[in-house]
C-alpha atoms as a PDB file:
ATOM      1  CA  UNK A   1      66.539 171.831 212.793  1.00  0.00           C
ATOM      2  CA  UNK A   2      68.610 170.431 209.946  1.00  0.00           C
ATOM      3  CA  UNK A   3      67.497 169.627 206.449  1.00  0.00           C
ATOM      4  CA  UNK A   4      65.905 166.204 206.030  1.00  0.00           C
ATOM      5  CA  UNK A   5      67.903 163.999 203.682  1.00  0.00           C
ATOM      6  CA  UNK A   6      71.254 165.761 204.036  1.00  0.00           C
ATOM      7  CA  UNK A   7      73.814 163.363 205.570  1.00  0.00           C
ATOM      8  CA  UNK A   8      77.115 164.001 207.351  1.00  0.00           C
ATOM      9  CA  UNK A   9      80.175 162.260 208.759  1.00  0.00           C
ATOM     10  CA  UNK A  10      81.656 163.915 211.848  1.00  0.00           C
ATOM     11  CA  UNK A  11      85.169 162.980 212.946  1.00  0.00           C
ATOM     12  CA  UNK A  12      87.245 163.491 216.042  1.00  0.00           C
ATOM     13  CA  UNK A  13      90.902 164.060 215.114  1.00  0.00           C
ATOM     14  CA  UNK A  14      93.520 162.620 217.510  1.00  0.00           C
ATOM     15  CA  UNK A  15      93.344 158.840 217.365  1.00  0.00           C
ATOM     16  CA  UNK A  16      90.445 158.946 214.915  1.00  0.00           C
ATOM     17  CA  UNK A  17      91.858 160.452 211.725  1.00  0.00           C
ATOM     18  CA  UNK A  18      95.496 159.834 212.632  1.00  0.00           C
ATOM     19  CA  UNK A  19      97.395 157.648 215.082  1.00  0.00           C
ATOM     20  CA  UNK A  20      98.825 160.321 217.346  1.00  0.00           C
ATOM     21  CA  UNK A  21      98.640 158.820 220.837  1.00  0.00           C
ATOM     22  CA  UNK A  22     102.260 157.675 220.776  1.00  0.00           C
ATOM     23  CA  UNK A  23     103.384 161.259 220.087  1.00  0.00           C
ATOM     24  CA  UNK A  24     101.227 162.679 222.874  1.00  0.00           C
ATOM     25  CA  UNK A  25     102.549 159.989 225.228  1.00  0.00           C
ATOM     26  CA  UNK A  26     106.153 160.886 224.355  1.00  0.00           C
ATOM     27  CA  UNK A  27     105.538 164.544 225.162  1.00  0.00           C
ATOM     28  CA  UNK A  28     103.844 163.844 228.483  1.00  0.00           C
ATOM     29  CA  UNK A  29     106.558 161.328 229.419  1.00  0.00           C
ATOM     30  CA  UNK A  30     109.166 163.989 228.708  1.00  0.00           C
ATOM     31  CA  UNK A  31     107.328 166.556 230.845  1.00  0.00           C
ATOM     32  CA  UNK A  32     106.953 164.025 233.681  1.00  0.00           C
ATOM     33  CA  UNK A  33     110.661 163.133 233.540  1.00  0.00           C
ATOM     34  CA  UNK A  34     111.637 166.806 233.734  1.00  0.00           C
ATOM     35  CA  UNK A  35     109.847 166.866 237.104  1.00  0.00           C
ATOM     36  CA  UNK A  36     111.377 163.588 238.322  1.00  0.00           C
ATOM     37  CA  UNK A  37     108.055 161.831 237.809  1.00  0.00           C
ATOM     38  CA  UNK A  38     107.223 158.718 235.778  1.00  0.00           C
ATOM     39  CA  UNK A  39     104.339 158.496 233.327  1.00  0.00           C
ATOM     40  CA  UNK A  40     102.666 155.089 233.152  1.00  0.00           C
ATOM     41  CA  UNK A  41     100.131 153.763 230.633  1.00  0.00           C
ATOM     42  CA  UNK A  42      97.512 153.702 233.399  1.00  0.00           C
ATOM     43  CA  UNK A  43      98.052 157.377 234.241  1.00  0.00           C
ATOM     44  CA  UNK A  44      97.899 158.286 230.558  1.00  0.00           C
ATOM     45  CA  UNK A  45      94.690 156.349 229.921  1.00  0.00           C
ATOM     46  CA  UNK A  46      92.844 157.417 233.069  1.00  0.00           C
ATOM     47  CA  UNK A  47      94.022 160.995 233.595  1.00  0.00           C
ATOM     48  CA  UNK A  48      95.173 162.307 230.208  1.00  0.00           C
ATOM     49  CA  UNK A  49      93.729 160.485 227.187  1.00  0.00           C
ATOM     50  CA  UNK A  50      90.669 162.341 225.925  1.00  0.00           C
ATOM     51  CA  UNK A  51      90.833 164.938 228.705  1.00  0.00           C
ATOM     52  CA  UNK A  52      91.142 168.667 228.138  1.00  0.00           C
ATOM     53  CA  UNK A  53      94.631 170.020 228.920  1.00  0.00           C
ATOM     54  CA  UNK A  54      93.326 172.686 231.262  1.00  0.00           C
ATOM     55  CA  UNK A  55      91.483 170.026 233.248  1.00  0.00           C
ATOM     56  CA  UNK A  56      94.429 167.604 233.351  1.00  0.00           C
ATOM     57  CA  UNK A  57      97.406 169.821 234.105  1.00  0.00           C
ATOM     58  CA  UNK A  58      96.263 171.245 237.477  1.00  0.00           C
ATOM     59  CA  UNK A  59      95.932 167.659 238.731  1.00  0.00           C
ATOM     60  CA  UNK A  60      99.131 166.402 237.102  1.00  0.00           C
ATOM     61  CA  UNK A  61     101.387 169.325 238.052  1.00  0.00           C
ATOM     62  CA  UNK A  62      99.737 171.270 240.913  1.00  0.00           C
ATOM     63  CA  UNK A  63     100.939 174.818 241.431  1.00  0.00           C
ATOM     64  CA  UNK A  64     102.088 175.347 237.835  1.00  0.00           C
ATOM     65  CA  UNK A  65     100.372 177.534 235.236  1.00  0.00           C
ATOM     66  CA  UNK A  66      98.067 175.147 233.336  1.00  0.00           C
ATOM     67  CA  UNK A  67      97.823 177.409 230.268  1.00  0.00           C
ATOM     68  CA  UNK A  68     101.602 177.708 229.994  1.00  0.00           C
ATOM     69  CA  UNK A  69     101.926 173.938 230.425  1.00  0.00           C
ATOM     70  CA  UNK A  70      99.300 173.363 227.736  1.00  0.00           C
ATOM     71  CA  UNK A  71     101.005 175.730 225.303  1.00  0.00           C
ATOM     72  CA  UNK A  72     104.356 174.044 225.910  1.00  0.00           C
ATOM     73  CA  UNK A  73     102.922 170.554 225.528  1.00  0.00           C
ATOM     74  CA  UNK A  74     101.138 171.356 222.261  1.00  0.00           C
ATOM     75  CA  UNK A  75     104.218 173.050 220.778  1.00  0.00           C
ATOM     76  CA  UNK A  76     106.262 169.924 221.512  1.00  0.00           C
ATOM     77  CA  UNK A  77     103.558 167.766 219.940  1.00  0.00           C
ATOM     78  CA  UNK A  78     103.449 169.880 216.759  1.00  0.00           C
ATOM     79  CA  UNK A  79     107.240 169.662 216.471  1.00  0.00           C
ATOM     80  CA  UNK A  80     107.049 165.873 216.527  1.00  0.00           C
ATOM     81  CA  UNK A  81     104.287 165.856 213.926  1.00  0.00           C
ATOM     82  CA  UNK A  82     105.976 168.267 211.533  1.00  0.00           C
ATOM     83  CA  UNK A  83     107.594 165.542 209.454  1.00  0.00           C
ATOM     84  CA  UNK A  84     104.172 164.448 208.236  1.00  0.00           C
ATOM     85  CA  UNK A  85     102.257 161.305 209.089  1.00  0.00           C
ATOM     86  CA  UNK A  86      99.815 159.039 207.255  1.00  0.00           C
ATOM     87  CA  UNK A  87      96.108 159.310 208.013  1.00  0.00           C
ATOM     88  CA  UNK A  88      94.222 156.451 209.642  1.00  0.00           C
ATOM     89  CA  UNK A  89      94.075 153.437 207.266  1.00  0.00           C
ATOM     90  CA  UNK A  90      91.075 153.709 204.989  1.00  0.00           C
ATOM     91  CA  UNK A  91      90.386 157.374 205.827  1.00  0.00           C
ATOM     92  CA  UNK A  92      91.082 158.694 202.328  1.00  0.00           C
ATOM     93  CA  UNK A  93      88.857 156.079 200.704  1.00  0.00           C
ATOM     94  CA  UNK A  94      86.084 156.895 203.181  1.00  0.00           C
ATOM     95  CA  UNK A  95      86.313 160.610 202.401  1.00  0.00           C
ATOM     96  CA  UNK A  96      86.229 159.809 198.669  1.00  0.00           C
ATOM     97  CA  UNK A  97      83.084 157.755 199.272  1.00  0.00           C
ATOM     98  CA  UNK A  98      81.516 160.593 201.271  1.00  0.00           C
ATOM     99  CA  UNK A  99      82.164 163.117 198.531  1.00  0.00           C
ATOM    100  CA  UNK A 100      80.741 160.766 195.884  1.00  0.00           C
ATOM    101  CA  UNK A 101      77.610 160.307 198.008  1.00  0.00           C
ATOM    102  CA  UNK A 102      77.265 164.029 198.711  1.00  0.00           C
ATOM    103  CA  UNK A 103      77.731 163.596 202.457  1.00  0.00           C
ATOM    104  CA  UNK A 104      78.942 166.633 204.420  1.00  0.00           C
ATOM    105  CA  UNK A 105      82.240 166.353 206.305  1.00  0.00           C
ATOM    106  CA  UNK A 106      83.421 167.984 209.530  1.00  0.00           C
ATOM    107  CA  UNK A 107      86.104 167.535 212.174  1.00  0.00           C
ATOM    108  CA  UNK A 108      85.046 168.065 215.800  1.00  0.00           C
ATOM    109  CA  UNK A 109      87.962 168.175 218.245  1.00  0.00           C
ATOM    110  CA  UNK A 110      89.030 169.411 221.660  1.00  0.00           C
ATOM    111  CA  UNK A 111      92.508 170.108 220.279  1.00  0.00           C
ATOM    112  CA  UNK A 112      93.571 173.776 220.050  1.00  0.00           C
ATOM    113  CA  UNK A 113      92.862 175.260 216.612  1.00  0.00           C
ATOM    114  CA  UNK A 114      96.565 175.568 215.823  1.00  0.00           C
ATOM    115  CA  UNK A 115      96.975 171.859 216.517  1.00  0.00           C
ATOM    116  CA  UNK A 116      93.856 170.914 214.578  1.00  0.00           C
ATOM    117  CA  UNK A 117      95.017 172.784 211.495  1.00  0.00           C
ATOM    118  CA  UNK A 118      98.543 171.399 211.879  1.00  0.00           C
ATOM    119  CA  UNK A 119      97.382 167.786 212.220  1.00  0.00           C
ATOM    120  CA  UNK A 120      95.026 167.936 209.240  1.00  0.00           C
ATOM    121  CA  UNK A 121      97.758 169.444 207.079  1.00  0.00           C
ATOM    122  CA  UNK A 122     100.297 166.870 208.313  1.00  0.00           C
ATOM    123  CA  UNK A 123      98.059 164.012 207.135  1.00  0.00           C
ATOM    124  CA  UNK A 124      97.174 165.828 203.905  1.00  0.00           C
ATOM    125  CA  UNK A 125      93.440 166.106 204.600  1.00  0.00           C
ATOM    126  CA  UNK A 126      92.829 169.758 205.498  1.00  0.00           C
ATOM    127  CA  UNK A 127      91.122 170.530 202.187  1.00  0.00           C
ATOM    128  CA  UNK A 128      88.768 167.566 202.503  1.00  0.00           C
ATOM    129  CA  UNK A 129      86.778 169.060 205.395  1.00  0.00           C
ATOM    130  CA  UNK A 130      84.510 172.063 205.061  1.00  0.00           C
ATOM    131  CA  UNK A 131      84.348 172.595 208.818  1.00  0.00           C
ATOM    132  CA  UNK A 132      86.712 172.318 211.795  1.00  0.00           C
ATOM    133  CA  UNK A 133      84.945 172.744 215.141  1.00  0.00           C
ATOM    134  CA  UNK A 134      87.145 173.427 218.180  1.00  0.00           C
ATOM    135  CA  UNK A 135      85.837 172.540 221.636  1.00  0.00           C
ATOM    136  CA  UNK A 136      87.351 175.616 223.290  1.00  0.00           C
ATOM    137  CA  UNK A 137      85.544 177.847 220.798  1.00  0.00           C
ATOM    138  CA  UNK A 138      82.152 176.406 221.775  1.00  0.00           C
ATOM    139  CA  UNK A 139      80.102 177.172 224.871  1.00  0.00           C
ATOM    140  CA  UNK A 140      81.278 173.830 226.293  1.00  0.00           C
ATOM    141  CA  UNK A 141      83.908 171.344 225.096  1.00  0.00           C
ATOM    142  CA  UNK A 142      83.659 167.547 225.005  1.00  0.00           C
ATOM    143  CA  UNK A 143      82.449 165.469 226.867  1.00  0.00           C
ATOM    144  CA  UNK A 144      79.547 167.887 226.461  1.00  0.00           C
ATOM    145  CA  UNK A 145      77.796 167.274 223.119  1.00  0.00           C
ATOM    146  CA  UNK A 146      77.850 170.986 222.235  1.00  0.00           C
ATOM    147  CA  UNK A 147      80.800 170.797 219.764  1.00  0.00           C
ATOM    148  CA  UNK A 148      78.941 168.130 217.774  1.00  0.00           C
ATOM    149  CA  UNK A 149      75.690 170.063 217.975  1.00  0.00           C
ATOM    150  CA  UNK A 150      77.526 173.175 216.743  1.00  0.00           C
ATOM    151  CA  UNK A 151      78.823 171.203 213.747  1.00  0.00           C
ATOM    152  CA  UNK A 152      75.298 170.014 212.919  1.00  0.00           C
ATOM    153  CA  UNK A 153      73.909 173.531 213.152  1.00  0.00           C
ATOM    154  CA  UNK A 154      76.619 174.872 210.862  1.00  0.00           C
ATOM    155  CA  UNK A 155      76.136 172.079 208.315  1.00  0.00           C
ATOM    156  CA  UNK A 156      72.343 172.239 208.534  1.00  0.00           C
ATOM    157  CA  UNK A 157      71.974 168.509 209.193  1.00  0.00           C
ATOM    158  CA  UNK A 158      69.845 166.535 211.633  1.00  0.00           C
ATOM    159  CA  UNK A 159      71.460 164.403 214.335  1.00  0.00           C
ATOM    160  CA  UNK A 160      69.751 161.258 213.042  1.00  0.00           C
ATOM    161  CA  UNK A 161      71.420 161.816 209.666  1.00  0.00           C
ATOM    162  CA  UNK A 162      74.966 161.882 211.097  1.00  0.00           C
ATOM    163  CA  UNK A 163      77.625 159.364 212.074  1.00  0.00           C
ATOM    164  CA  UNK A 164      80.204 160.495 214.648  1.00  0.00           C
ATOM    165  CA  UNK A 165      83.586 158.750 214.915  1.00  0.00           C
ATOM    166  CA  UNK A 166      85.497 158.912 218.231  1.00  0.00           C
ATOM    167  CA  UNK A 167      88.297 157.100 220.075  1.00  0.00           C
ATOM    168  CA  UNK A 168      88.327 158.402 223.679  1.00  0.00           C
ATOM    169  CA  UNK A 169      85.837 158.004 226.535  1.00  0.00           C
ATOM    170  CA  UNK A 170      85.086 161.728 226.794  1.00  0.00           C
ATOM    171  CA  UNK A 171      84.718 162.135 223.052  1.00  0.00           C
ATOM    172  CA  UNK A 172      82.590 159.013 222.845  1.00  0.00           C
ATOM    173  CA  UNK A 173      80.248 160.386 225.499  1.00  0.00           C
ATOM    174  CA  UNK A 174      79.901 163.615 223.526  1.00  0.00           C
ATOM    175  CA  UNK A 175      79.166 161.716 220.325  1.00  0.00           C
ATOM    176  CA  UNK A 176      76.609 159.483 222.029  1.00  0.00           C
ATOM    177  CA  UNK A 177      74.811 162.418 223.644  1.00  0.00           C
ATOM    178  CA  UNK A 178      74.565 164.560 220.498  1.00  0.00           C
ATOM    179  CA  UNK A 179      72.070 162.218 218.831  1.00  0.00           C
ATOM    180  CA  UNK A 180      74.305 161.064 215.974  1.00  0.00           C
ATOM    181  CA  UNK A 181      75.125 157.371 215.496  1.00  0.00           C
ATOM    182  CA  UNK A 182      78.281 157.018 217.650  1.00  0.00           C
ATOM    183  CA  UNK A 183      81.095 154.822 216.329  1.00  0.00           C
ATOM    184  CA  UNK A 184      84.230 154.030 218.323  1.00  0.00           C
ATOM    185  CA  UNK A 185      87.642 153.693 216.680  1.00  0.00           C
ATOM    186  CA  UNK A 186      89.745 151.128 218.519  1.00  0.00           C
ATOM    187  CA  UNK A 187      93.051 152.981 218.167  1.00  0.00           C
ATOM    188  CA  UNK A 188      93.674 153.141 221.903  1.00  0.00           C
ATOM    189  CA  UNK A 189      90.766 151.551 223.755  1.00  0.00           C
ATOM    190  CA  UNK A 190      89.061 148.185 223.650  1.00  0.00           C
ATOM    191  CA  UNK A 191      85.592 147.670 222.253  1.00  0.00           C
ATOM    192  CA  UNK A 192      84.240 147.210 225.781  1.00  0.00           C
ATOM    193  CA  UNK A 193      85.598 150.580 226.939  1.00  0.00           C
ATOM    194  CA  UNK A 194      84.219 152.367 223.894  1.00  0.00           C
ATOM    195  CA  UNK A 195      80.797 150.761 224.217  1.00  0.00           C
ATOM    196  CA  UNK A 196      80.773 151.596 227.920  1.00  0.00           C
ATOM    197  CA  UNK A 197      81.235 155.255 226.909  1.00  0.00           C
ATOM    198  CA  UNK A 198      78.344 155.092 224.422  1.00  0.00           C
ATOM    199  CA  UNK A 199      79.570 153.575 221.151  1.00  0.00           C
ATOM    200  CA  UNK A 200      76.895 151.707 219.181  1.00  0.00           C
ATOM    201  CA  UNK A 201      79.525 150.117 216.930  1.00  0.00           C
ATOM    202  CA  UNK A 202      83.330 149.983 216.836  1.00  0.00           C
ATOM    203  CA  UNK A 203      85.939 149.744 214.079  1.00  0.00           C
ATOM    204  CA  UNK A 204      89.647 148.936 214.115  1.00  0.00           C
ATOM    205  CA  UNK A 205      90.093 151.609 211.424  1.00  0.00           C
ATOM    206  CA  UNK A 206      88.356 152.623 208.185  1.00  0.00           C
ATOM    207  CA  UNK A 207      89.414 149.417 206.443  1.00  0.00           C
ATOM    208  CA  UNK A 208      87.434 147.385 208.971  1.00  0.00           C
ATOM    209  CA  UNK A 209      84.951 145.045 207.197  1.00  0.00           C
ATOM    210  CA  UNK A 210      82.236 146.341 209.549  1.00  0.00           C
ATOM    211  CA  UNK A 211      82.413 149.861 208.020  1.00  0.00           C
ATOM    212  CA  UNK A 212      79.964 149.242 205.121  1.00  0.00           C
ATOM    213  CA  UNK A 213      77.326 148.154 207.610  1.00  0.00           C
ATOM    214  CA  UNK A 214      77.829 151.350 209.599  1.00  0.00           C
ATOM    215  CA  UNK A 215      77.607 153.542 206.491  1.00  0.00           C
ATOM    216  CA  UNK A 216      74.449 151.731 205.358  1.00  0.00           C
ATOM    217  CA  UNK A 217      72.639 153.700 208.072  1.00  0.00           C
ATOM    218  CA  UNK A 218      73.049 156.855 205.989  1.00  0.00           C
ATOM    219  CA  UNK A 219      71.598 155.179 202.920  1.00  0.00           C
ATOM    220  CA  UNK A 220      68.595 153.848 204.802  1.00  0.00           C
ATOM    221  CA  UNK A 221      69.629 150.255 204.082  1.00  0.00           C
END
């Protein structure tokens, strides 16, 4: 059980704190082309986006070592990100607001730890989060709610005192099932798709005029 009154914002990373889908798409397209295959937006959305690498690769490239493929893919992604990239619009102001309010902050991602650290540093936000939860380091990764539940246990907060921000169907299902208020970020999916996966509200980004209404939940307004 968490401490009554303590509030928290929990964030996915890819597509939620930074716009990274185009980089992931480039890497997968490159890997497909090397095998004389063609990546399409439909394949990316339905078989890759939000899915764990070790679940996707055996279906995408049968007979190849999924761990080696995953390591290769993530190394290519980090290389593309190394030049630095801006965070999601409004993210810095939201984190400033959270710190002023005394809200706890955590990132909950299925990305490998090396990628998670790299992405947060690339957008200049690593020092803003006290906790980085990695799906592979939990008993179960997203879409299971366990990574979010692990974050709540570590922070000592109750689910009803948390807002969870997500952008993918699998992540959205995890956020919805953990008991936090689940908010979809429309960086890659439509509002309908996010709500279908469990979102109670959606935002274009953190400059969306609907954000104050979402945050009002933490203030009891």
